[in-house]
């Protein structure tokens, strides 16, 4: 193997010396190709060894014009380029998101104002559901008074229907209140996360003396 490498270097030295003696227009590129035995072959054309095992294409002065990659190396290179592009895209998306956040919430006061507005909307739904519950409770009370005339539970169809509808509607309003109470927790959590994300952005903006989000 060592003698083969020596022969390869010697052949390249001879080739370089011959090329140096030729006029510029007569000089050709040189291919240094690996072979299946781990050696290096010097040739003036792109052979199957280069395509299968890889190598280099050299300029007449010995500088590297390009690397000749194997299919596996090409696939690895493409994967690396895809990962790098994906990371660049992720960084660009993050920068756009940060600019949008700073435009919407330029300071903590604007964030707190938006938080309060969202909570007010949710609380308004809870208050409306509670008001409807009060009305339904009065209806339930009236239905219970009417039901006293039928101690055996053999209610007329109209009363039975009103009692069933009232029960269903009260359950719906109660579920509405529970759902909106959960929504309040989600709103609070979302704004806590926004605050944690925006604080370093505000600090960086103040440090650079830039009152407006970068474009």
N, C-alpha and C. Protein backbone atom coordinates (compact mmCIF):
# COMPACT_ATOMS: atom_id res chain seq x y z
N UNK A 1 0.84 -1.20 0.00
CA UNK A 1 0.00 0.00 0.00
C UNK A 1 0.88 1.25 0.00
N UNK A 2 1.99 1.18 0.82
CA UNK A 2 2.87 2.34 0.89
C UNK A 2 3.56 2.58 -0.43
N UNK A 3 4.01 1.47 -1.07
CA UNK A 3 4.70 1.63 -2.35
C UNK A 3 3.76 2.18 -3.39
N UNK A 4 2.48 1.78 -3.30
CA UNK A 4 1.49 2.28 -4.26
C UNK A 4 1.32 3.79 -4.09
N UNK A 5 1.24 4.25 -2.81
CA UNK A 5 1.10 5.68 -2.56
C UNK A 5 2.32 6.44 -3.06
N UNK A 6 3.50 5.82 -2.90
CA UNK A 6 4.73 6.45 -3.39
C UNK A 6 4.68 6.60 -4.90
N UNK A 7 4.24 5.51 -5.57
CA UNK A 7 4.14 5.56 -7.03
C UNK A 7 3.16 6.63 -7.47
N UNK A 8 2.04 6.76 -6.68
CA UNK A 8 1.04 7.75 -7.03
C UNK A 8 1.61 9.15 -6.92
N UNK A 9 2.35 9.41 -5.83
CA UNK A 9 2.95 10.74 -5.67
C UNK A 9 3.99 11.00 -6.75
N UNK A 10 4.71 9.96 -7.10
CA UNK A 10 5.73 10.12 -8.13
C UNK A 10 5.10 10.42 -9.48
N UNK A 11 4.00 9.70 -9.77
CA UNK A 11 3.34 9.95 -11.05
C UNK A 11 2.77 11.35 -11.10
N UNK A 12 2.27 11.82 -9.96
CA UNK A 12 1.74 13.19 -9.93
C UNK A 12 2.87 14.19 -10.11
N UNK A 13 4.01 13.93 -9.53
CA UNK A 13 5.15 14.84 -9.68
C UNK A 13 5.59 14.91 -11.13
N UNK A 14 5.62 13.72 -11.78
CA UNK A 14 5.99 13.70 -13.20
C UNK A 14 4.98 14.46 -14.03
N UNK A 15 3.70 14.23 -13.72
CA UNK A 15 2.62 14.90 -14.46
C UNK A 15 2.73 16.42 -14.30
N UNK A 16 2.95 16.87 -13.08
CA UNK A 16 3.06 18.31 -12.83
C UNK A 16 4.24 18.90 -13.57
N UNK A 17 5.35 18.15 -13.60
CA UNK A 17 6.54 18.66 -14.28
C UNK A 17 6.29 18.77 -15.78
N UNK A 18 5.58 17.78 -16.34
CA UNK A 18 5.28 17.82 -17.77
C UNK A 18 4.34 18.98 -18.08
N UNK A 19 3.33 19.16 -17.24
CA UNK A 19 2.39 20.25 -17.46
C UNK A 19 3.07 21.59 -17.42
N UNK A 20 4.03 21.72 -16.52
CA UNK A 20 4.72 23.00 -16.39
C UNK A 20 5.52 23.33 -17.65
N UNK A 21 5.94 22.29 -18.39
CA UNK A 21 6.72 22.50 -19.60
C UNK A 21 5.84 22.85 -20.80
N UNK A 22 4.55 22.58 -20.71
CA UNK A 22 3.65 22.82 -21.82
C UNK A 22 3.18 24.26 -21.82
N UNK A 23 2.84 24.82 -22.99
CA UNK A 23 2.24 26.15 -23.02
C UNK A 23 0.89 26.13 -22.31
N UNK A 24 0.41 27.30 -21.88
CA UNK A 24 -0.81 27.38 -21.07
C UNK A 24 -2.00 26.77 -21.77
N UNK A 25 -2.11 27.01 -23.10
CA UNK A 25 -3.29 26.50 -23.80
C UNK A 25 -3.28 24.99 -23.93
N UNK A 26 -2.11 24.37 -23.78
CA UNK A 26 -2.02 22.92 -23.93
C UNK A 26 -2.17 22.19 -22.60
N UNK A 27 -2.10 22.93 -21.51
CA UNK A 27 -2.20 22.29 -20.22
C UNK A 27 -3.63 21.87 -19.94
N UNK A 28 -3.81 20.73 -19.31
CA UNK A 28 -5.15 20.19 -19.03
C UNK A 28 -5.30 20.01 -17.52
N UNK A 29 -6.56 19.87 -17.12
CA UNK A 29 -6.81 19.59 -15.71
C UNK A 29 -6.38 18.17 -15.38
N UNK A 30 -6.18 17.93 -14.10
CA UNK A 30 -5.72 16.64 -13.62
C UNK A 30 -6.73 16.13 -12.60
N UNK A 31 -6.98 14.85 -12.64
CA UNK A 31 -7.89 14.22 -11.68
C UNK A 31 -7.09 13.30 -10.78
N UNK A 32 -7.24 13.50 -9.48
CA UNK A 32 -6.66 12.58 -8.50
C UNK A 32 -7.83 11.78 -7.93
N UNK A 33 -7.89 10.52 -8.30
CA UNK A 33 -9.05 9.70 -7.94
C UNK A 33 -8.65 8.56 -7.02
N UNK A 34 -9.47 8.35 -6.00
CA UNK A 34 -9.26 7.18 -5.14
C UNK A 34 -9.72 5.92 -5.89
N UNK A 35 -9.11 4.82 -5.55
CA UNK A 35 -9.55 3.57 -6.15
C UNK A 35 -10.05 2.62 -5.07
N UNK A 36 -10.53 1.45 -5.48
CA UNK A 36 -11.11 0.51 -4.54
C UNK A 36 -10.12 -0.10 -3.59
N UNK A 37 -8.82 0.06 -3.85
CA UNK A 37 -7.79 -0.52 -2.98
C UNK A 37 -7.23 0.50 -2.00
N UNK A 38 -7.80 1.70 -1.99
CA UNK A 38 -7.34 2.74 -1.07
C UNK A 38 -6.22 3.59 -1.62
N UNK A 39 -5.85 3.37 -2.88
CA UNK A 39 -4.80 4.17 -3.47
C UNK A 39 -5.36 5.38 -4.20
N UNK A 40 -4.48 6.10 -4.86
CA UNK A 40 -4.85 7.29 -5.62
C UNK A 40 -4.35 7.15 -7.04
N UNK A 41 -5.21 7.44 -7.97
CA UNK A 41 -4.88 7.33 -9.39
C UNK A 41 -4.86 8.72 -9.99
N UNK A 42 -3.81 9.04 -10.74
CA UNK A 42 -3.71 10.33 -11.43
C UNK A 42 -4.06 10.12 -12.89
N UNK A 43 -5.00 10.91 -13.38
CA UNK A 43 -5.45 10.74 -14.75
C UNK A 43 -5.88 12.08 -15.32
N UNK A 44 -6.02 12.11 -16.67
CA UNK A 44 -6.42 13.37 -17.32
C UNK A 44 -7.90 13.39 -17.65
N UNK A 45 -8.66 12.40 -17.18
CA UNK A 45 -10.09 12.37 -17.46
C UNK A 45 -10.84 11.87 -16.22
N UNK A 46 -12.12 12.18 -16.17
CA UNK A 46 -12.96 11.79 -15.04
C UNK A 46 -13.41 10.36 -15.25
N UNK A 47 -12.79 9.44 -14.51
CA UNK A 47 -13.09 8.03 -14.67
C UNK A 47 -14.08 7.52 -13.64
N UNK A 48 -14.37 6.24 -13.75
CA UNK A 48 -15.35 5.62 -12.86
C UNK A 48 -14.86 5.59 -11.41
N UNK A 49 -13.53 5.50 -11.21
CA UNK A 49 -12.99 5.48 -9.85
C UNK A 49 -13.37 6.77 -9.11
N UNK A 50 -13.24 7.90 -9.80
CA UNK A 50 -13.58 9.18 -9.17
C UNK A 50 -15.05 9.22 -8.81
N UNK A 51 -15.88 8.75 -9.71
CA UNK A 51 -17.32 8.79 -9.47
C UNK A 51 -17.73 7.86 -8.34
N UNK A 52 -17.02 6.73 -8.23
CA UNK A 52 -17.40 5.74 -7.23
C UNK A 52 -16.74 6.00 -5.88
N UNK A 53 -15.46 6.41 -5.90
CA UNK A 53 -14.72 6.54 -4.64
C UNK A 53 -14.35 7.98 -4.29
N UNK A 54 -14.60 8.92 -5.20
CA UNK A 54 -14.31 10.31 -4.93
C UNK A 54 -12.89 10.70 -5.27
N UNK A 55 -12.63 11.99 -5.27
CA UNK A 55 -11.30 12.48 -5.56
C UNK A 55 -11.30 13.99 -5.70
N UNK A 56 -10.33 14.49 -6.50
CA UNK A 56 -10.20 15.93 -6.71
C UNK A 56 -9.94 16.21 -8.18
N UNK A 57 -10.42 17.35 -8.62
CA UNK A 57 -10.05 17.86 -9.93
C UNK A 57 -9.12 19.05 -9.69
N UNK A 58 -7.93 19.01 -10.29
CA UNK A 58 -6.93 20.04 -10.06
C UNK A 58 -6.74 20.90 -11.30
N UNK A 59 -6.40 22.14 -11.05
CA UNK A 59 -5.99 23.03 -12.13
C UNK A 59 -4.57 22.69 -12.55
N UNK A 60 -4.14 23.15 -13.71
CA UNK A 60 -2.76 22.85 -14.14
C UNK A 60 -1.70 23.29 -13.16
N UNK A 61 -1.99 24.32 -12.34
CA UNK A 61 -0.99 24.77 -11.38
C UNK A 61 -1.03 23.98 -10.08
N UNK A 62 -1.89 22.98 -10.00
CA UNK A 62 -1.97 22.14 -8.81
C UNK A 62 -3.02 22.55 -7.81
N UNK A 63 -3.63 23.70 -8.02
CA UNK A 63 -4.69 24.12 -7.09
C UNK A 63 -5.94 23.29 -7.32
N UNK A 64 -6.75 23.16 -6.28
CA UNK A 64 -7.96 22.35 -6.36
C UNK A 64 -9.08 23.14 -7.04
N UNK A 65 -9.57 22.60 -8.13
CA UNK A 65 -10.71 23.22 -8.80
C UNK A 65 -12.02 22.82 -8.14
N UNK A 66 -12.14 21.55 -7.82
CA UNK A 66 -13.35 21.08 -7.15
C UNK A 66 -13.08 19.71 -6.54
N UNK A 67 -13.88 19.39 -5.52
CA UNK A 67 -13.87 18.05 -4.95
C UNK A 67 -14.89 17.19 -5.67
N UNK A 68 -14.53 15.97 -5.94
CA UNK A 68 -15.46 15.03 -6.57
C UNK A 68 -15.97 14.10 -5.48
N UNK A 69 -17.25 14.21 -5.18
CA UNK A 69 -17.83 13.48 -4.06
C UNK A 69 -18.48 12.19 -4.52
N UNK A 70 -18.45 11.21 -3.65
CA UNK A 70 -19.21 9.98 -3.91
C UNK A 70 -20.70 10.27 -3.72
N UNK A 71 -21.53 9.31 -4.12
CA UNK A 71 -22.97 9.50 -3.95
C UNK A 71 -23.33 9.66 -2.48
N UNK A 72 -22.67 8.89 -1.62
CA UNK A 72 -22.94 9.01 -0.19
C UNK A 72 -22.52 10.37 0.33
N UNK A 73 -21.36 10.86 -0.11
CA UNK A 73 -20.90 12.17 0.31
C UNK A 73 -21.82 13.28 -0.20
N UNK A 74 -22.30 13.11 -1.44
CA UNK A 74 -23.23 14.09 -1.99
C UNK A 74 -24.52 14.13 -1.17
N UNK A 75 -25.02 12.94 -0.80
CA UNK A 75 -26.24 12.87 0.00
C UNK A 75 -26.02 13.53 1.36
N UNK A 76 -24.86 13.27 1.97
CA UNK A 76 -24.55 13.88 3.27
C UNK A 76 -24.44 15.40 3.15
N UNK A 77 -23.82 15.84 2.05
CA UNK A 77 -23.68 17.28 1.83
C UNK A 77 -25.05 17.94 1.64
N UNK A 78 -25.93 17.28 0.88
CA UNK A 78 -27.27 17.82 0.67
C UNK A 78 -28.04 17.89 1.98
N UNK A 79 -27.91 16.85 2.80
CA UNK A 79 -28.59 16.84 4.09
C UNK A 79 -28.08 17.97 4.99
N UNK A 80 -26.77 18.17 4.97
CA UNK A 80 -26.20 19.26 5.78
C UNK A 80 -26.70 20.62 5.29
N UNK A 81 -26.76 20.79 3.96
CA UNK A 81 -27.26 22.04 3.41
C UNK A 81 -28.73 22.26 3.75
N UNK A 82 -29.50 21.17 3.73
CA UNK A 82 -30.90 21.28 4.10
C UNK A 82 -31.07 21.67 5.57
N UNK A 83 -30.23 21.08 6.44
CA UNK A 83 -30.28 21.44 7.86
C UNK A 83 -29.91 22.91 8.06
N UNK A 84 -28.88 23.34 7.34
CA UNK A 84 -28.47 24.74 7.46
C UNK A 84 -29.56 25.67 6.96
N UNK A 85 -30.22 25.32 5.85
CA UNK A 85 -31.29 26.14 5.32
C UNK A 85 -32.48 26.17 6.27
N UNK A 86 -32.79 25.00 6.85
CA UNK A 86 -33.89 24.94 7.81
C UNK A 86 -33.61 25.83 9.02
N UNK A 87 -32.35 25.84 9.47
CA UNK A 87 -31.98 26.69 10.61
C UNK A 87 -32.07 28.17 10.23
N UNK A 88 -31.63 28.52 9.02
CA UNK A 88 -31.76 29.91 8.57
C UNK A 88 -33.22 30.32 8.49
N UNK A 89 -34.06 29.42 7.97
CA UNK A 89 -35.49 29.72 7.88
C UNK A 89 -36.09 29.90 9.28
N UNK A 90 -35.65 29.06 10.22
CA UNK A 90 -36.17 29.17 11.59
C UNK A 90 -35.78 30.51 12.21
N UNK A 91 -34.54 30.92 11.96
CA UNK A 91 -34.08 32.20 12.50
C UNK A 91 -34.86 33.36 11.89
N UNK A 92 -35.13 33.27 10.59
CA UNK A 92 -35.89 34.34 9.93
C UNK A 92 -37.32 34.41 10.48
N UNK A 93 -37.94 33.23 10.67
CA UNK A 93 -39.29 33.22 11.24
C UNK A 93 -39.30 33.82 12.64
N UNK A 94 -38.28 33.48 13.42
CA UNK A 94 -38.20 34.00 14.78
C UNK A 94 -38.04 35.52 14.77
N UNK A 95 -37.20 36.01 13.86
CA UNK A 95 -37.00 37.46 13.76
C UNK A 95 -38.29 38.16 13.35
N UNK A 96 -39.03 37.57 12.39
CA UNK A 96 -40.30 38.17 11.98
C UNK A 96 -41.31 38.16 13.14
N UNK A 97 -41.34 37.06 13.88
CA UNK A 97 -42.25 36.98 15.02
C UNK A 97 -41.90 38.02 16.08
N UNK A 98 -40.60 38.20 16.32
CA UNK A 98 -40.18 39.18 17.31
C UNK A 98 -40.54 40.60 16.87
N UNK A 99 -40.35 40.90 15.58
CA UNK A 99 -40.73 42.23 15.09
C UNK A 99 -42.23 42.45 15.23
N UNK A 100 -43.01 41.40 14.92
CA UNK A 100 -44.47 41.52 15.04
C UNK A 100 -44.88 41.73 16.50
N UNK A 101 -44.23 41.01 17.42
CA UNK A 101 -44.54 41.16 18.84
C UNK A 101 -44.21 42.57 19.33
N UNK A 102 -43.06 43.08 18.93
CA UNK A 102 -42.68 44.42 19.36
C UNK A 102 -43.58 45.49 18.76
N UNK A 103 -44.06 45.24 17.54
CA UNK A 103 -44.98 46.20 16.94
C UNK A 103 -46.31 46.20 17.68
N UNK A 104 -46.74 45.03 18.12
CA UNK A 104 -48.03 44.93 18.80
C UNK A 104 -47.93 45.34 20.27
N UNK A 105 -46.80 44.97 20.91
CA UNK A 105 -46.62 45.28 22.33
C UNK A 105 -45.29 46.03 22.49
N UNK A 106 -45.25 47.31 22.23
CA UNK A 106 -43.98 48.05 22.31
C UNK A 106 -43.46 48.21 23.73
N UNK A 107 -44.32 48.00 24.74
CA UNK A 107 -43.86 48.12 26.12
C UNK A 107 -44.78 47.26 27.00
N UNK A 108 -44.43 47.18 28.29
CA UNK A 108 -45.18 46.32 29.19
C UNK A 108 -46.60 46.85 29.42
N UNK A 109 -46.76 48.18 29.40
CA UNK A 109 -48.09 48.75 29.61
C UNK A 109 -49.06 48.30 28.52
N UNK A 110 -48.61 48.25 27.28
CA UNK A 110 -49.48 47.82 26.17
C UNK A 110 -49.84 46.34 26.32
N UNK A 111 -48.90 45.54 26.82
CA UNK A 111 -49.18 44.12 27.04
C UNK A 111 -50.22 43.95 28.14
N UNK A 112 -50.05 44.66 29.23
CA UNK A 112 -51.00 44.55 30.34
C UNK A 112 -52.38 45.04 29.92
N UNK A 113 -52.44 46.06 29.09
CA UNK A 113 -53.73 46.55 28.60
C UNK A 113 -54.43 45.50 27.76
N UNK A 114 -53.69 44.83 26.88
CA UNK A 114 -54.27 43.76 26.06
C UNK A 114 -54.72 42.60 26.93
N UNK A 115 -53.94 42.28 27.96
CA UNK A 115 -54.30 41.21 28.89
C UNK A 115 -55.63 41.53 29.57
N UNK A 116 -55.74 42.74 30.07
CA UNK A 116 -56.97 43.14 30.76
C UNK A 116 -58.17 43.10 29.82
N UNK A 117 -57.98 43.52 28.57
CA UNK A 117 -59.08 43.52 27.60
C UNK A 117 -59.55 42.09 27.33
N UNK A 118 -58.61 41.16 27.19
CA UNK A 118 -58.99 39.78 26.93
C UNK A 118 -59.72 39.18 28.13
N UNK A 119 -59.24 39.48 29.32
CA UNK A 119 -59.91 38.98 30.53
C UNK A 119 -61.31 39.57 30.66
N UNK A 120 -61.45 40.83 30.29
CA UNK A 120 -62.77 41.48 30.37
C UNK A 120 -63.77 40.79 29.44
N UNK A 121 -63.32 40.41 28.26
CA UNK A 121 -64.22 39.72 27.31
C UNK A 121 -64.68 38.39 27.88
N UNK A 122 -63.76 37.66 28.47
CA UNK A 122 -64.12 36.35 29.04
C UNK A 122 -65.04 36.54 30.24
N UNK A 123 -64.70 37.50 31.09
CA UNK A 123 -65.52 37.73 32.28
C UNK A 123 -66.93 38.18 31.89
N UNK A 124 -67.05 38.89 30.78
CA UNK A 124 -68.38 39.32 30.32
C UNK A 124 -69.25 38.11 29.97
N UNK A 125 -68.65 37.09 29.40
CA UNK A 125 -69.39 35.87 29.08
C UNK A 125 -69.83 35.16 30.37
N UNK A 126 -68.95 35.15 31.36
CA UNK A 126 -69.30 34.52 32.64
C UNK A 126 -70.44 35.28 33.31
N UNK A 127 -70.35 36.60 33.31
CA UNK A 127 -71.41 37.40 33.94
C UNK A 127 -72.74 37.20 33.23
N UNK A 128 -72.73 37.13 31.90
CA UNK A 128 -73.97 36.91 31.15
C UNK A 128 -74.56 35.54 31.47
N UNK A 129 -73.70 34.52 31.59
CA UNK A 129 -74.19 33.18 31.92
C UNK A 129 -74.79 33.15 33.32
N UNK A 130 -74.20 33.87 34.24
CA UNK A 130 -74.74 33.91 35.61
C UNK A 130 -76.09 34.62 35.65
N UNK A 131 -76.24 35.65 34.84
CA UNK A 131 -77.55 36.33 34.77
C UNK A 131 -78.61 35.39 34.21
N UNK A 132 -78.25 34.63 33.17
CA UNK A 132 -79.22 33.68 32.62
C UNK A 132 -79.55 32.60 33.64
N UNK A 133 -78.57 32.21 34.44
CA UNK A 133 -78.82 31.21 35.48
C UNK A 133 -79.83 31.73 36.50
N UNK A 134 -79.75 33.00 36.84
CA UNK A 134 -80.72 33.57 37.79
C UNK A 134 -82.14 33.47 37.23
N UNK A 135 -82.28 33.78 35.94
CA UNK A 135 -83.60 33.68 35.31
C UNK A 135 -84.08 32.23 35.31
N UNK A 136 -83.17 31.33 34.97
CA UNK A 136 -83.55 29.92 34.94
C UNK A 136 -83.87 29.38 36.34
N UNK A 137 -83.20 29.90 37.35
CA UNK A 137 -83.50 29.47 38.72
C UNK A 137 -84.92 29.91 39.12
N UNK A 138 -85.31 31.09 38.69
CA UNK A 138 -86.66 31.54 38.97
C UNK A 138 -87.68 30.66 38.25
N UNK A 139 -87.35 30.31 36.99
CA UNK A 139 -88.23 29.42 36.25
C UNK A 139 -88.31 28.05 36.92
N UNK A 140 -87.18 27.56 37.39
CA UNK A 140 -87.17 26.27 38.09
C UNK A 140 -88.04 26.32 39.35
N UNK A 141 -87.93 27.46 40.05
CA UNK A 141 -88.75 27.62 41.26
C UNK A 141 -90.24 27.61 40.91
N UNK A 142 -90.60 28.31 39.84
CA UNK A 142 -92.01 28.34 39.43
C UNK A 142 -92.48 26.95 39.02
N UNK A 143 -91.61 26.22 38.30
CA UNK A 143 -91.97 24.86 37.90
C UNK A 143 -92.16 23.96 39.13
N UNK A 144 -91.32 24.17 40.15
CA UNK A 144 -91.44 23.37 41.38
C UNK A 144 -92.76 23.66 42.09
N UNK A 145 -93.18 24.93 42.07
CA UNK A 145 -94.48 25.27 42.67
C UNK A 145 -95.62 24.59 41.94
N UNK A 146 -95.55 24.60 40.61
CA UNK A 146 -96.59 23.94 39.82
C UNK A 146 -96.58 22.43 40.07
N UNK A 147 -95.39 21.88 40.27
CA UNK A 147 -95.28 20.44 40.46
C UNK A 147 -95.89 19.98 41.77
N UNK A 148 -96.07 20.88 42.74
CA UNK A 148 -96.66 20.50 44.02
C UNK A 148 -98.11 20.01 43.88
N UNK A 149 -98.73 20.39 42.79
CA UNK A 149 -100.12 19.96 42.56
C UNK A 149 -100.18 18.52 42.06
N UNK A 150 -99.02 17.93 41.79
CA UNK A 150 -98.97 16.55 41.28
C UNK A 150 -97.98 15.76 42.14
N UNK A 151 -98.38 15.48 43.40
CA UNK A 151 -97.46 14.81 44.34
C UNK A 151 -97.03 13.42 43.88
N UNK A 152 -97.81 12.80 43.02
CA UNK A 152 -97.43 11.46 42.54
C UNK A 152 -96.41 11.52 41.40
N UNK A 153 -96.03 12.72 40.98
CA UNK A 153 -95.06 12.87 39.90
C UNK A 153 -95.61 12.68 38.51
N UNK A 154 -96.91 12.54 38.42
CA UNK A 154 -97.54 12.38 37.10
C UNK A 154 -97.83 13.76 36.52
N UNK A 155 -96.74 14.44 36.10
CA UNK A 155 -96.86 15.80 35.63
C UNK A 155 -97.49 15.83 34.23
N UNK A 156 -98.21 16.89 33.92
CA UNK A 156 -98.72 17.06 32.55
C UNK A 156 -97.55 17.28 31.60
N UNK A 157 -97.81 17.03 30.34
CA UNK A 157 -96.74 17.09 29.34
C UNK A 157 -96.09 18.47 29.28
N UNK A 158 -96.90 19.51 29.39
CA UNK A 158 -96.35 20.86 29.29
C UNK A 158 -95.40 21.14 30.45
N UNK A 159 -95.79 20.78 31.68
CA UNK A 159 -94.94 21.02 32.84
C UNK A 159 -93.68 20.16 32.75
N UNK A 160 -93.82 18.91 32.36
CA UNK A 160 -92.65 18.03 32.24
C UNK A 160 -91.66 18.59 31.22
N UNK A 161 -92.19 19.10 30.12
CA UNK A 161 -91.32 19.67 29.09
C UNK A 161 -90.58 20.89 29.61
N UNK A 162 -91.31 21.77 30.33
CA UNK A 162 -90.67 22.96 30.87
C UNK A 162 -89.59 22.61 31.88
N UNK A 163 -89.84 21.60 32.70
CA UNK A 163 -88.85 21.19 33.69
C UNK A 163 -87.60 20.62 33.03
N UNK A 164 -87.78 19.81 31.98
CA UNK A 164 -86.64 19.22 31.29
C UNK A 164 -85.82 20.29 30.56
N UNK A 165 -86.52 21.21 29.90
CA UNK A 165 -85.81 22.28 29.19
C UNK A 165 -85.03 23.14 30.17
N UNK A 166 -85.65 23.46 31.29
CA UNK A 166 -85.00 24.28 32.30
C UNK A 166 -83.75 23.59 32.84
N UNK A 167 -83.85 22.31 33.10
CA UNK A 167 -82.69 21.57 33.61
C UNK A 167 -81.55 21.56 32.60
N UNK A 168 -81.90 21.34 31.33
CA UNK A 168 -80.87 21.32 30.27
C UNK A 168 -80.21 22.68 30.15
N UNK A 169 -80.99 23.73 30.16
CA UNK A 169 -80.43 25.07 29.99
C UNK A 169 -79.56 25.47 31.18
N UNK A 170 -79.94 25.09 32.39
CA UNK A 170 -79.11 25.40 33.54
C UNK A 170 -77.77 24.67 33.47
N UNK A 171 -77.82 23.43 33.03
CA UNK A 171 -76.57 22.66 32.88
C UNK A 171 -75.66 23.31 31.83
N UNK A 172 -76.25 23.78 30.74
CA UNK A 172 -75.46 24.43 29.68
C UNK A 172 -74.81 25.70 30.20
N UNK A 173 -75.54 26.51 30.95
CA UNK A 173 -74.96 27.75 31.47
C UNK A 173 -73.86 27.46 32.48
N UNK A 174 -74.05 26.42 33.28
CA UNK A 174 -73.01 26.06 34.24
C UNK A 174 -71.75 25.58 33.53
N UNK A 175 -71.93 24.81 32.45
CA UNK A 175 -70.78 24.38 31.66
C UNK A 175 -70.10 25.56 31.00
N UNK A 176 -70.89 26.53 30.57
CA UNK A 176 -70.33 27.74 29.98
C UNK A 176 -69.44 28.47 30.98
N UNK A 177 -69.91 28.60 32.21
CA UNK A 177 -69.12 29.27 33.24
C UNK A 177 -67.82 28.53 33.51
N UNK A 178 -67.89 27.20 33.61
CA UNK A 178 -66.69 26.40 33.86
C UNK A 178 -65.69 26.56 32.71
N UNK A 179 -66.21 26.52 31.49
CA UNK A 179 -65.32 26.65 30.32
C UNK A 179 -64.64 28.01 30.29
N UNK A 180 -65.36 29.07 30.62
CA UNK A 180 -64.77 30.40 30.59
C UNK A 180 -63.80 30.62 31.74
N UNK A 181 -64.06 29.98 32.87
CA UNK A 181 -63.09 30.05 33.96
C UNK A 181 -61.78 29.38 33.57
N UNK A 182 -61.87 28.29 32.82
CA UNK A 182 -60.66 27.66 32.30
C UNK A 182 -59.98 28.57 31.28
N UNK A 183 -60.80 29.28 30.49
CA UNK A 183 -60.24 30.20 29.50
C UNK A 183 -59.46 31.31 30.18
N UNK A 184 -59.93 31.78 31.33
CA UNK A 184 -59.19 32.80 32.08
C UNK A 184 -57.80 32.29 32.44
N UNK A 185 -57.72 31.04 32.87
CA UNK A 185 -56.41 30.45 33.20
C UNK A 185 -55.52 30.39 31.96
N UNK A 186 -56.11 30.03 30.82
CA UNK A 186 -55.32 29.96 29.57
C UNK A 186 -54.85 31.35 29.15
N UNK A 187 -55.72 32.35 29.30
CA UNK A 187 -55.34 33.72 28.95
C UNK A 187 -54.19 34.19 29.84
N UNK A 188 -54.31 33.94 31.13
CA UNK A 188 -53.24 34.33 32.05
C UNK A 188 -51.93 33.65 31.70
N UNK A 189 -51.99 32.36 31.40
CA UNK A 189 -50.78 31.61 31.05
C UNK A 189 -50.16 32.15 29.77
N UNK A 190 -51.00 32.46 28.77
CA UNK A 190 -50.49 32.97 27.50
C UNK A 190 -49.77 34.31 27.69
N UNK A 191 -50.34 35.18 28.50
CA UNK A 191 -49.71 36.49 28.70
C UNK A 191 -48.46 36.39 29.58
N UNK A 192 -48.43 35.42 30.47
CA UNK A 192 -47.20 35.20 31.23
C UNK A 192 -46.07 34.77 30.30
N UNK A 193 -46.39 33.90 29.34
CA UNK A 193 -45.38 33.47 28.38
C UNK A 193 -44.94 34.62 27.48
N UNK A 194 -45.91 35.45 27.07
CA UNK A 194 -45.57 36.61 26.26
C UNK A 194 -44.66 37.57 27.03
N UNK A 195 -44.98 37.79 28.29
CA UNK A 195 -44.17 38.69 29.10
C UNK A 195 -42.74 38.17 29.21
N UNK A 196 -42.61 36.87 29.45
CA UNK A 196 -41.27 36.28 29.56
C UNK A 196 -40.49 36.41 28.26
N UNK A 197 -41.19 36.32 27.14
CA UNK A 197 -40.52 36.43 25.85
C UNK A 197 -40.20 37.88 25.49
N UNK A 198 -41.08 38.78 25.89
CA UNK A 198 -40.92 40.18 25.48
C UNK A 198 -39.91 40.94 26.34
N UNK A 199 -39.76 40.57 27.57
CA UNK A 199 -38.85 41.31 28.44
C UNK A 199 -37.44 41.43 27.87
N UNK A 200 -36.81 40.33 27.41
CA UNK A 200 -35.47 40.51 26.81
C UNK A 200 -35.50 41.31 25.52
N UNK A 201 -36.61 41.26 24.77
CA UNK A 201 -36.71 42.05 23.55
C UNK A 201 -36.80 43.54 23.87
N UNK A 202 -37.60 43.88 24.89
CA UNK A 202 -37.67 45.28 25.32
C UNK A 202 -36.32 45.77 25.82
N UNK A 203 -35.65 44.91 26.61
CA UNK A 203 -34.35 45.29 27.14
C UNK A 203 -33.35 45.52 26.02
N UNK A 204 -33.35 44.65 25.02
CA UNK A 204 -32.44 44.81 23.88
C UNK A 204 -32.77 46.07 23.10
N UNK A 205 -34.06 46.36 22.98
CA UNK A 205 -34.49 47.55 22.25
C UNK A 205 -34.05 48.82 22.98
N UNK A 206 -34.17 48.81 24.32
CA UNK A 206 -33.72 49.97 25.09
C UNK A 206 -32.20 50.11 25.02
N UNK A 207 -31.52 48.98 25.04
CA UNK A 207 -30.04 49.02 25.01
C UNK A 207 -29.51 49.61 23.71
N UNK A 208 -30.22 49.33 22.62
CA UNK A 208 -29.79 49.86 21.32
C UNK A 208 -30.33 51.25 21.07
N UNK A 209 -31.18 51.74 21.98
CA UNK A 209 -31.76 53.06 21.80
C UNK A 209 -32.75 53.14 20.68
N UNK A 210 -33.32 52.01 20.31
CA UNK A 210 -34.28 51.94 19.20
C UNK A 210 -35.67 51.81 19.78
N UNK A 211 -36.47 52.86 19.64
CA UNK A 211 -37.83 52.83 20.20
C UNK A 211 -38.82 52.11 19.31
N UNK A 212 -38.44 51.90 18.06
CA UNK A 212 -39.35 51.21 17.13
C UNK A 212 -38.77 49.88 16.77
N UNK A 213 -39.60 48.86 16.51
CA UNK A 213 -39.09 47.54 16.13
C UNK A 213 -38.32 47.62 14.84
N UNK A 214 -37.22 46.86 14.78
CA UNK A 214 -36.40 46.86 13.57
C UNK A 214 -37.14 46.27 12.41
N UNK A 215 -36.89 46.82 11.22
CA UNK A 215 -37.53 46.32 10.01
C UNK A 215 -36.55 45.50 9.21
